[in-house]
Amino acid sequence: MITCYLRYTIDPYKLAEFEHYAKLWIPLVNRLGGTHHGYFLPHEGANNIALALFSFPSLAAYEGYRQAMAEDAECRAAFAYAEETRCIVSYERSFMRPVF
């Protein structure tokens, strides 16, 4: 199993827009074979950092998700929403191996 860790720098004045974007992606990741562990939005501390975690059985399964995502109309609409609202300034993606 691998877990994708996304660290977003967001526009703090567009937190509502980012939260909407996050709510779009949770069911999309789950529908395309992953397990979404949620988004984590600013509360105390930095007001422009958000996180997301989701897992796939393997890196190969994640790569299959990336291909399916590129062809999926709902995924493309979610990306377009982020571009349109400019709620995301930048992001970093890392992969981790969970230990239970």
PDB file of N, CA and C in Angstrom:
ATOM      1  N   MET A   1       0.850  -1.180   0.000  1.00  0.00           N
ATOM      2  CA  MET A   1       0.000   0.000   0.000  1.00  0.00           C
ATOM      3  C   MET A   1       0.889   1.235   0.000  1.00  0.00           C
ATOM      4  N   ILE A   2       0.471   2.241  -0.763  1.00  0.00           N
ATOM      5  CA  ILE A   2       1.139   3.538  -0.736  1.00  0.00           C
ATOM      6  C   ILE A   2       0.101   4.609  -0.416  1.00  0.00           C
ATOM      7  N   THR A   3       0.559   5.630   0.280  1.00  0.00           N
ATOM      8  CA  THR A   3      -0.312   6.760   0.596  1.00  0.00           C
ATOM      9  C   THR A   3       0.268   8.000  -0.052  1.00  0.00           C
ATOM     10  N   CYS A   4      -0.566   8.686  -0.789  1.00  0.00           N
ATOM     11  CA  CYS A   4      -0.179   9.946  -1.410  1.00  0.00           C
ATOM     12  C   CYS A   4      -0.458  11.058  -0.411  1.00  0.00           C
ATOM     13  N   TYR A   5       0.558  11.860  -0.163  1.00  0.00           N
ATOM     14  CA  TYR A   5       0.480  12.995   0.753  1.00  0.00           C
ATOM     15  C   TYR A   5       0.571  14.253  -0.109  1.00  0.00           C
ATOM     16  N   LEU A   6      -0.474  15.063  -0.078  1.00  0.00           N
ATOM     17  CA  LEU A   6      -0.475  16.321  -0.817  1.00  0.00           C
ATOM     18  C   LEU A   6      -0.466  17.478   0.174  1.00  0.00           C
ATOM     19  N   ARG A   7       0.494  18.363   0.007  1.00  0.00           N
ATOM     20  CA  ARG A   7       0.580  19.574   0.826  1.00  0.00           C
ATOM     21  C   ARG A   7       0.309  20.755  -0.091  1.00  0.00           C
ATOM     22  N   TYR A   8      -0.792  21.430   0.164  1.00  0.00           N
ATOM     23  CA  TYR A   8      -1.222  22.555  -0.651  1.00  0.00           C
ATOM     24  C   TYR A   8      -0.859  23.875   0.018  1.00  0.00           C
ATOM     25  N   THR A   9      -0.430  24.819  -0.770  1.00  0.00           N
ATOM     26  CA  THR A   9      -0.424  26.214  -0.365  1.00  0.00           C
ATOM     27  C   THR A   9      -1.649  26.809  -1.036  1.00  0.00           C
ATOM     28  N   ILE A  10      -2.546  27.325  -0.205  1.00  0.00           N
ATOM     29  CA  ILE A  10      -3.816  27.824  -0.721  1.00  0.00           C
ATOM     30  C   ILE A  10      -3.926  29.325  -0.489  1.00  0.00           C
ATOM     31  N   ASP A  11      -4.833  29.945  -1.208  1.00  0.00           N
ATOM     32  CA  ASP A  11      -5.146  31.350  -0.980  1.00  0.00           C
ATOM     33  C   ASP A  11      -6.077  31.399   0.238  1.00  0.00           C
ATOM     34  N   PRO A  12      -5.632  31.978   1.368  1.00  0.00           N
ATOM     35  CA  PRO A  12      -6.463  31.961   2.575  1.00  0.00           C
ATOM     36  C   PRO A  12      -7.778  32.716   2.411  1.00  0.00           C
ATOM     37  N   TYR A  13      -7.868  33.584   1.419  1.00  0.00           N
ATOM     38  CA  TYR A  13      -9.113  34.304   1.164  1.00  0.00           C
ATOM     39  C   TYR A  13     -10.086  33.496   0.312  1.00  0.00           C
ATOM     40  N   LYS A  14      -9.623  32.311  -0.125  1.00  0.00           N
ATOM     41  CA  LYS A  14     -10.468  31.442  -0.942  1.00  0.00           C
ATOM     42  C   LYS A  14     -10.602  30.067  -0.292  1.00  0.00           C
ATOM     43  N   LEU A  15     -10.675  30.065   1.033  1.00  0.00           N
ATOM     44  CA  LEU A  15     -10.800  28.812   1.765  1.00  0.00           C
ATOM     45  C   LEU A  15     -12.099  28.089   1.409  1.00  0.00           C
ATOM     46  N   ALA A  16     -13.185  28.806   1.265  1.00  0.00           N
ATOM     47  CA  ALA A  16     -14.464  28.171   0.903  1.00  0.00           C
ATOM     48  C   ALA A  16     -14.366  27.490  -0.462  1.00  0.00           C
ATOM     49  N   GLU A  17     -13.684  28.124  -1.393  1.00  0.00           N
ATOM     50  CA  GLU A  17     -13.512  27.540  -2.721  1.00  0.00           C
ATOM     51  C   GLU A  17     -12.653  26.279  -2.657  1.00  0.00           C
ATOM     52  N   PHE A  18     -11.587  26.341  -1.837  1.00  0.00           N
ATOM     53  CA  PHE A  18     -10.741  25.162  -1.702  1.00  0.00           C
ATOM     54  C   PHE A  18     -11.509  24.019  -1.034  1.00  0.00           C
ATOM     55  N   GLU A  19     -12.315  24.333  -0.031  1.00  0.00           N
ATOM     56  CA  GLU A  19     -13.100  23.293   0.629  1.00  0.00           C
ATOM     57  C   GLU A  19     -14.065  22.639  -0.365  1.00  0.00           C
ATOM     58  N   HIS A  20     -14.664  23.423  -1.234  1.00  0.00           N
ATOM     59  CA  HIS A  20     -15.538  22.863  -2.272  1.00  0.00           C
ATOM     60  C   HIS A  20     -14.739  21.928  -3.182  1.00  0.00           C
ATOM     61  N   TYR A  21     -13.557  22.366  -3.600  1.00  0.00           N
ATOM     62  CA  TYR A  21     -12.670  21.548  -4.427  1.00  0.00           C
ATOM     63  C   TYR A  21     -12.358  20.226  -3.725  1.00  0.00           C
ATOM     64  N   ALA A  22     -12.027  20.293  -2.448  1.00  0.00           N
ATOM     65  CA  ALA A  22     -11.712  19.088  -1.680  1.00  0.00           C
ATOM     66  C   ALA A  22     -12.894  18.122  -1.671  1.00  0.00           C
ATOM     67  N   LYS A  23     -14.082  18.644  -1.462  1.00  0.00           N
ATOM     68  CA  LYS A  23     -15.278  17.796  -1.419  1.00  0.00           C
ATOM     69  C   LYS A  23     -15.575  17.164  -2.773  1.00  0.00           C
ATOM     70  N   LEU A  24     -15.134  17.789  -3.839  1.00  0.00           N
ATOM     71  CA  LEU A  24     -15.283  17.177  -5.166  1.00  0.00           C
ATOM     72  C   LEU A  24     -14.395  15.941  -5.302  1.00  0.00           C
ATOM     73  N   TRP A  25     -13.163  16.018  -4.781  1.00  0.00           N
ATOM     74  CA  TRP A  25     -12.176  14.971  -5.017  1.00  0.00           C
ATOM     75  C   TRP A  25     -12.358  13.717  -4.177  1.00  0.00           C
ATOM     76  N   ILE A  26     -12.900  13.828  -2.979  1.00  0.00           N
ATOM     77  CA  ILE A  26     -13.000  12.644  -2.114  1.00  0.00           C
ATOM     78  C   ILE A  26     -13.763  11.513  -2.803  1.00  0.00           C
ATOM     79  N   PRO A  27     -14.965  11.741  -3.319  1.00  0.00           N
ATOM     80  CA  PRO A  27     -15.658  10.625  -3.997  1.00  0.00           C
ATOM     81  C   PRO A  27     -14.997  10.214  -5.316  1.00  0.00           C
ATOM     82  N   LEU A  28     -14.321  11.144  -5.972  1.00  0.00           N
ATOM     83  CA  LEU A  28     -13.657  10.793  -7.234  1.00  0.00           C
ATOM     84  C   LEU A  28     -12.522   9.814  -6.992  1.00  0.00           C
ATOM     85  N   VAL A  29     -11.687  10.076  -5.999  1.00  0.00           N
ATOM     86  CA  VAL A  29     -10.582   9.161  -5.675  1.00  0.00           C
ATOM     87  C   VAL A  29     -11.144   7.800  -5.290  1.00  0.00           C
ATOM     88  N   ASN A  30     -12.175   7.795  -4.462  1.00  0.00           N
ATOM     89  CA  ASN A  30     -12.767   6.525  -4.036  1.00  0.00           C
ATOM     90  C   ASN A  30     -13.366   5.767  -5.227  1.00  0.00           C
ATOM     91  N   ARG A  31     -14.033   6.464  -6.123  1.00  0.00           N
ATOM     92  CA  ARG A  31     -14.635   5.826  -7.298  1.00  0.00           C
ATOM     93  C   ARG A  31     -13.580   5.237  -8.225  1.00  0.00           C
ATOM     94  N   LEU A  32     -12.410   5.872  -8.270  1.00  0.00           N
ATOM     95  CA  LEU A  32     -11.359   5.419  -9.185  1.00  0.00           C
ATOM     96  C   LEU A  32     -10.358   4.481  -8.519  1.00  0.00           C
ATOM     97  N   GLY A  33     -10.758   3.858  -7.410  1.00  0.00           N
ATOM     98  CA  GLY A  33      -9.956   2.776  -6.845  1.00  0.00           C
ATOM     99  C   GLY A  33      -9.111   3.101  -5.638  1.00  0.00           C
ATOM    100  N   GLY A  34      -9.118   4.334  -5.190  1.00  0.00           N
ATOM    101  CA  GLY A  34      -8.337   4.692  -4.016  1.00  0.00           C
ATOM    102  C   GLY A  34      -9.179   4.729  -2.759  1.00  0.00           C
ATOM    103  N   THR A  35      -8.520   4.993  -1.652  1.00  0.00           N
ATOM    104  CA  THR A  35      -9.191   5.222  -0.382  1.00  0.00           C
ATOM    105  C   THR A  35      -8.775   6.606   0.085  1.00  0.00           C
ATOM    106  N   HIS A  36      -9.709   7.522   0.090  1.00  0.00           N
ATOM    107  CA  HIS A  36      -9.401   8.896   0.504  1.00  0.00           C
ATOM    108  C   HIS A  36      -9.515   8.998   2.016  1.00  0.00           C
ATOM    109  N   HIS A  37      -8.506   9.578   2.645  1.00  0.00           N
ATOM    110  CA  HIS A  37      -8.478   9.728   4.105  1.00  0.00           C
ATOM    111  C   HIS A  37      -8.874  11.133   4.532  1.00  0.00           C
ATOM    112  N   GLY A  38      -9.201  11.970   3.578  1.00  0.00           N
ATOM    113  CA  GLY A  38      -9.698  13.298   3.885  1.00  0.00           C
ATOM    114  C   GLY A  38      -8.727  14.414   3.582  1.00  0.00           C
ATOM    115  N   TYR A  39      -9.275  15.603   3.624  1.00  0.00           N
ATOM    116  CA  TYR A  39      -8.509  16.845   3.518  1.00  0.00           C
ATOM    117  C   TYR A  39      -8.434  17.447   4.903  1.00  0.00           C
ATOM    118  N   PHE A  40      -7.377  18.157   5.165  1.00  0.00           N
ATOM    119  CA  PHE A  40      -7.157  18.792   6.457  1.00  0.00           C
ATOM    120  C   PHE A  40      -6.895  20.268   6.184  1.00  0.00           C
ATOM    121  N   LEU A  41      -7.849  21.096   6.617  1.00  0.00           N
ATOM    122  CA  LEU A  41      -7.829  22.521   6.307  1.00  0.00           C
ATOM    123  C   LEU A  41      -7.279  23.320   7.472  1.00  0.00           C
ATOM    124  N   PRO A  42      -6.796  24.542   7.204  1.00  0.00           N
ATOM    125  CA  PRO A  42      -6.237  25.372   8.274  1.00  0.00           C
ATOM    126  C   PRO A  42      -7.249  25.634   9.383  1.00  0.00           C
ATOM    127  N   HIS A  43      -6.738  25.605  10.605  1.00  0.00           N
ATOM    128  CA  HIS A  43      -7.575  25.940  11.755  1.00  0.00           C
ATOM    129  C   HIS A  43      -6.818  26.878  12.694  1.00  0.00           C
ATOM    130  N   GLU A  44      -5.710  26.416  13.226  1.00  0.00           N
ATOM    131  CA  GLU A  44      -4.814  27.240  14.039  1.00  0.00           C
ATOM    132  C   GLU A  44      -3.448  27.192  13.364  1.00  0.00           C
ATOM    133  N   GLY A  45      -2.689  28.240  13.492  1.00  0.00           N
ATOM    134  CA  GLY A  45      -1.377  28.265  12.861  1.00  0.00           C
ATOM    135  C   GLY A  45      -1.466  28.854  11.471  1.00  0.00           C
ATOM    136  N   ALA A  46      -0.672  28.306  10.574  1.00  0.00           N
ATOM    137  CA  ALA A  46      -0.637  28.824   9.199  1.00  0.00           C
ATOM    138  C   ALA A  46      -2.025  28.775   8.571  1.00  0.00           C
ATOM    139  N   ASN A  47      -2.422  29.857   7.940  1.00  0.00           N
ATOM    140  CA  ASN A  47      -3.762  29.919   7.350  1.00  0.00           C
ATOM    141  C   ASN A  47      -3.768  29.604   5.858  1.00  0.00           C
ATOM    142  N   ASN A  48      -2.629  29.181   5.322  1.00  0.00           N
ATOM    143  CA  ASN A  48      -2.543  28.940   3.884  1.00  0.00           C
ATOM    144  C   ASN A  48      -2.020  27.545   3.533  1.00  0.00           C
ATOM    145  N   ILE A  49      -2.055  26.621   4.496  1.00  0.00           N
ATOM    146  CA  ILE A  49      -1.576  25.261   4.262  1.00  0.00           C
ATOM    147  C   ILE A  49      -2.724  24.285   4.488  1.00  0.00           C
ATOM    148  N   ALA A  50      -2.927  23.393   3.525  1.00  0.00           N
ATOM    149  CA  ALA A  50      -3.923  22.323   3.633  1.00  0.00           C
ATOM    150  C   ALA A  50      -3.255  21.019   3.207  1.00  0.00           C
ATOM    151  N   LEU A  51      -3.777  19.909   3.700  1.00  0.00           N
ATOM    152  CA  LEU A  51      -3.222  18.595   3.392  1.00  0.00           C
ATOM    153  C   LEU A  51      -4.313  17.670   2.888  1.00  0.00           C
ATOM    154  N   ALA A  52      -3.905  16.674   2.126  1.00  0.00           N
ATOM    155  CA  ALA A  52      -4.802  15.590   1.718  1.00  0.00           C
ATOM    156  C   ALA A  52      -4.010  14.295   1.757  1.00  0.00           C
ATOM    157  N   LEU A  53      -4.680  13.221   2.139  1.00  0.00           N
ATOM    158  CA  LEU A  53      -4.076  11.890   2.176  1.00  0.00           C
ATOM    159  C   LEU A  53      -5.026  10.903   1.511  1.00  0.00           C
ATOM    160  N   PHE A  54      -4.490  10.094   0.605  1.00  0.00           N
ATOM    161  CA  PHE A  54      -5.280   9.008   0.030  1.00  0.00           C
ATOM    162  C   PHE A  54      -4.346   7.872  -0.344  1.00  0.00           C
ATOM    163  N   SER A  55      -4.878   6.651  -0.292  1.00  0.00           N
ATOM    164  CA  SER A  55      -4.057   5.459  -0.485  1.00  0.00           C
ATOM    165  C   SER A  55      -4.530   4.624  -1.660  1.00  0.00           C
ATOM    166  N   PHE A  56      -3.578   3.867  -2.206  1.00  0.00           N
ATOM    167  CA  PHE A  56      -3.825   2.884  -3.251  1.00  0.00           C
ATOM    168  C   PHE A  56      -3.075   1.610  -2.879  1.00  0.00           C
ATOM    169  N   PRO A  57      -3.530   0.473  -3.376  1.00  0.00           N
ATOM    170  CA  PRO A  57      -2.863  -0.787  -3.033  1.00  0.00           C
ATOM    171  C   PRO A  57      -1.389  -0.833  -3.451  1.00  0.00           C
ATOM    172  N   SER A  58      -1.037  -0.095  -4.516  1.00  0.00           N
ATOM    173  CA  SER A  58       0.340  -0.118  -5.019  1.00  0.00           C
ATOM    174  C   SER A  58       0.594   1.142  -5.840  1.00  0.00           C
ATOM    175  N   LEU A  59       1.852   1.381  -6.157  1.00  0.00           N
ATOM    176  CA  LEU A  59       2.182   2.502  -7.020  1.00  0.00           C
ATOM    177  C   LEU A  59       1.606   2.281  -8.422  1.00  0.00           C
ATOM    178  N   ALA A  60       1.583   1.035  -8.864  1.00  0.00           N
ATOM    179  CA  ALA A  60       0.989   0.727 -10.170  1.00  0.00           C
ATOM    180  C   ALA A  60      -0.506   1.071 -10.180  1.00  0.00           C
ATOM    181  N   ALA A  61      -1.209   0.788  -9.089  1.00  0.00           N
ATOM    182  CA  ALA A  61      -2.633   1.137  -8.997  1.00  0.00           C
ATOM    183  C   ALA A  61      -2.807   2.653  -9.025  1.00  0.00           C
ATOM    184  N   TYR A  62      -1.898   3.377  -8.371  1.00  0.00           N
ATOM    185  CA  TYR A  62      -1.957   4.841  -8.409  1.00  0.00           C
ATOM    186  C   TYR A  62      -1.752   5.342  -9.839  1.00  0.00           C
ATOM    187  N   GLU A  63      -0.813   4.760 -10.558  1.00  0.00           N
ATOM    188  CA  GLU A  63      -0.566   5.158 -11.939  1.00  0.00           C
ATOM    189  C   GLU A  63      -1.802   4.894 -12.807  1.00  0.00           C
ATOM    190  N   GLY A  64      -2.494   3.790 -12.557  1.00  0.00           N
ATOM    191  CA  GLY A  64      -3.747   3.518 -13.264  1.00  0.00           C
ATOM    192  C   GLY A  64      -4.790   4.577 -12.947  1.00  0.00           C
ATOM    193  N   TYR A  65      -4.851   4.996 -11.705  1.00  0.00           N
ATOM    194  CA  TYR A  65      -5.753   6.078 -11.288  1.00  0.00           C
ATOM    195  C   TYR A  65      -5.432   7.364 -12.043  1.00  0.00           C
ATOM    196  N   ARG A  66      -4.144   7.688 -12.161  1.00  0.00           N
ATOM    197  CA  ARG A  66      -3.746   8.912 -12.864  1.00  0.00           C
ATOM    198  C   ARG A  66      -4.208   8.875 -14.318  1.00  0.00           C
ATOM    199  N   GLN A  67      -4.096   7.730 -14.952  1.00  0.00           N
ATOM    200  CA  GLN A  67      -4.548   7.613 -16.342  1.00  0.00           C
ATOM    201  C   GLN A  67      -6.065   7.750 -16.439  1.00  0.00           C
ATOM    202  N   ALA A  68      -6.778   7.071 -15.542  1.00  0.00           N
ATOM    203  CA  ALA A  68      -8.242   7.154 -15.545  1.00  0.00           C
ATOM    204  C   ALA A  68      -8.705   8.570 -15.225  1.00  0.00           C
ATOM    205  N   MET A  69      -8.019   9.220 -14.305  1.00  0.00           N
ATOM    206  CA  MET A  69      -8.361  10.576 -13.893  1.00  0.00           C
ATOM    207  C   MET A  69      -8.249  11.543 -15.083  1.00  0.00           C
ATOM    208  N   ALA A  70      -7.234  11.372 -15.904  1.00  0.00           N
ATOM    209  CA  ALA A  70      -7.018  12.264 -17.041  1.00  0.00           C
ATOM    210  C   ALA A  70      -8.143  12.168 -18.066  1.00  0.00           C
ATOM    211  N   GLU A  71      -8.831  11.035 -18.092  1.00  0.00           N
ATOM    212  CA  GLU A  71      -9.898  10.812 -19.069  1.00  0.00           C
ATOM    213  C   GLU A  71     -11.297  11.023 -18.482  1.00  0.00           C
ATOM    214  N   ASP A  72     -11.386  11.248 -17.179  1.00  0.00           N
ATOM    215  CA  ASP A  72     -12.675  11.331 -16.491  1.00  0.00           C
ATOM    216  C   ASP A  72     -13.210  12.768 -16.522  1.00  0.00           C
ATOM    217  N   ALA A  73     -14.437  12.936 -16.995  1.00  0.00           N
ATOM    218  CA  ALA A  73     -15.025  14.275 -17.130  1.00  0.00           C
ATOM    219  C   ALA A  73     -15.174  14.981 -15.784  1.00  0.00           C
ATOM    220  N   GLU A  74     -15.558  14.258 -14.735  1.00  0.00           N
ATOM    221  CA  GLU A  74     -15.712  14.889 -13.422  1.00  0.00           C
ATOM    222  C   GLU A  74     -14.370  15.343 -12.853  1.00  0.00           C
ATOM    223  N   CYS A  75     -13.331  14.567 -13.079  1.00  0.00           N
ATOM    224  CA  CYS A  75     -11.985  14.957 -12.622  1.00  0.00           C
ATOM    225  C   CYS A  75     -11.519  16.201 -13.372  1.00  0.00           C
ATOM    226  N   ARG A  76     -11.731  16.220 -14.665  1.00  0.00           N
ATOM    227  CA  ARG A  76     -11.335  17.396 -15.446  1.00  0.00           C
ATOM    228  C   ARG A  76     -12.105  18.630 -14.984  1.00  0.00           C
ATOM    229  N   ALA A  77     -13.373  18.460 -14.635  1.00  0.00           N
ATOM    230  CA  ALA A  77     -14.174  19.584 -14.132  1.00  0.00           C
ATOM    231  C   ALA A  77     -13.645  20.074 -12.785  1.00  0.00           C
ATOM    232  N   ALA A  78     -13.210  19.164 -11.935  1.00  0.00           N
ATOM    233  CA  ALA A  78     -12.657  19.558 -10.638  1.00  0.00           C
ATOM    234  C   ALA A  78     -11.361  20.354 -10.827  1.00  0.00           C
ATOM    235  N   PHE A  79     -10.495  19.894 -11.729  1.00  0.00           N
ATOM    236  CA  PHE A  79      -9.274  20.647 -12.028  1.00  0.00           C
ATOM    237  C   PHE A  79      -9.611  22.029 -12.584  1.00  0.00           C
ATOM    238  N   ALA A  80     -10.593  22.083 -13.467  1.00  0.00           N
ATOM    239  CA  ALA A  80     -10.997  23.363 -14.054  1.00  0.00           C
ATOM    240  C   ALA A  80     -11.516  24.314 -12.981  1.00  0.00           C
ATOM    241  N   TYR A  81     -12.251  23.787 -12.006  1.00  0.00           N
ATOM    242  CA  TYR A  81     -12.764  24.616 -10.918  1.00  0.00           C
ATOM    243  C   TYR A  81     -11.598  25.250 -10.144  1.00  0.00           C
ATOM    244  N   ALA A  82     -10.572  24.471  -9.849  1.00  0.00           N
ATOM    245  CA  ALA A  82      -9.417  25.007  -9.127  1.00  0.00           C
ATOM    246  C   ALA A  82      -8.715  26.092  -9.943  1.00  0.00           C
ATOM    247  N   GLU A  83      -8.589  25.869 -11.237  1.00  0.00           N
ATOM    248  CA  GLU A  83      -7.963  26.883 -12.093  1.00  0.00           C
ATOM    249  C   GLU A  83      -8.814  28.142 -12.167  1.00  0.00           C
ATOM    250  N   GLU A  84     -10.114  27.948 -12.292  1.00  0.00           N
ATOM    251  CA  GLU A  84     -11.037  29.081 -12.409  1.00  0.00           C
ATOM    252  C   GLU A  84     -11.038  29.936 -11.133  1.00  0.00           C
ATOM    253  N   THR A  85     -11.057  29.278  -9.979  1.00  0.00           N
ATOM    254  CA  THR A  85     -11.123  30.018  -8.706  1.00  0.00           C
ATOM    255  C   THR A  85      -9.752  30.440  -8.199  1.00  0.00           C
ATOM    256  N   ARG A  86      -8.698  29.806  -8.687  1.00  0.00           N
ATOM    257  CA  ARG A  86      -7.332  30.095  -8.265  1.00  0.00           C
ATOM    258  C   ARG A  86      -7.173  29.966  -6.747  1.00  0.00           C
ATOM    259  N   CYS A  87      -7.846  28.961  -6.180  1.00  0.00           N
ATOM    260  CA  CYS A  87      -7.779  28.740  -4.735  1.00  0.00           C
ATOM    261  C   CYS A  87      -6.488  28.035  -4.323  1.00  0.00           C
ATOM    262  N   ILE A  88      -5.825  27.362  -5.271  1.00  0.00           N
ATOM    263  CA  ILE A  88      -4.567  26.670  -4.995  1.00  0.00           C
ATOM    264  C   ILE A  88      -3.426  27.487  -5.575  1.00  0.00           C
ATOM    265  N   VAL A  89      -2.469  27.825  -4.712  1.00  0.00           N
ATOM    266  CA  VAL A  89      -1.286  28.563  -5.157  1.00  0.00           C
ATOM    267  C   VAL A  89      -0.241  27.581  -5.681  1.00  0.00           C
ATOM    268  N   SER A  90      -0.013  26.499  -4.925  1.00  0.00           N
ATOM    269  CA  SER A  90       0.936  25.467  -5.324  1.00  0.00           C
ATOM    270  C   SER A  90       0.668  24.215  -4.498  1.00  0.00           C
ATOM    271  N   TYR A  91       1.315  23.116  -4.892  1.00  0.00           N
ATOM    272  CA  TYR A  91       1.190  21.893  -4.100  1.00  0.00           C
ATOM    273  C   TYR A  91       2.435  21.039  -4.268  1.00  0.00           C
ATOM    274  N   GLU A  92       2.644  20.167  -3.290  1.00  0.00           N
ATOM    275  CA  GLU A  92       3.734  19.193  -3.304  1.00  0.00           C
ATOM    276  C   GLU A  92       3.113  17.815  -3.132  1.00  0.00           C
ATOM    277  N   ARG A  93       3.635  16.835  -3.842  1.00  0.00           N
ATOM    278  CA  ARG A  93       3.122  15.465  -3.745  1.00  0.00           C
ATOM    279  C   ARG A  93       4.255  14.549  -3.316  1.00  0.00           C
ATOM    280  N   SER A  94       3.987  13.736  -2.302  1.00  0.00           N
ATOM    281  CA  SER A  94       4.940  12.723  -1.845  1.00  0.00           C
ATOM    282  C   SER A  94       4.194  11.417  -1.644  1.00  0.00           C
ATOM    283  N   PHE A  95       4.926  10.317  -1.676  1.00  0.00           N
ATOM    284  CA  PHE A  95       4.341   9.006  -1.442  1.00  0.00           C
ATOM    285  C   PHE A  95       4.986   8.393  -0.218  1.00  0.00           C
ATOM    286  N   MET A  96       4.139   7.808   0.604  1.00  0.00           N
ATOM    287  CA  MET A  96       4.604   7.229   1.848  1.00  0.00           C
ATOM    288  C   MET A  96       4.066   5.815   1.983  1.00  0.00           C
ATOM    289  N   ARG A  97       4.727   5.050   2.804  1.00  0.00           N
ATOM    290  CA  ARG A  97       4.324   3.683   3.098  1.00  0.00           C
ATOM    291  C   ARG A  97       3.830   3.654   4.542  1.00  0.00           C
ATOM    292  N   PRO A  98       2.538   3.371   4.747  1.00  0.00           N
ATOM    293  CA  PRO A  98       2.014   3.387   6.111  1.00  0.00           C
ATOM    294  C   PRO A  98       2.496   2.185   6.929  1.00  0.00           C
ATOM    295  N   VAL A  99       2.611   2.409   8.213  1.00  0.00           N
ATOM    296  CA  VAL A  99       2.902   1.343   9.177  1.00  0.00           C
ATOM    297  C   VAL A  99       1.751   1.342  10.169  1.00  0.00           C
ATOM    298  N   PHE A 100       1.096   0.196  10.306  1.00  0.00           N
ATOM    299  CA  PHE A 100      -0.060   0.093  11.205  1.00  0.00           C
ATOM    300  C   PHE A 100       0.308  -0.658  12.464  1.00  0.00           C
TER     301      PHE A 100
END
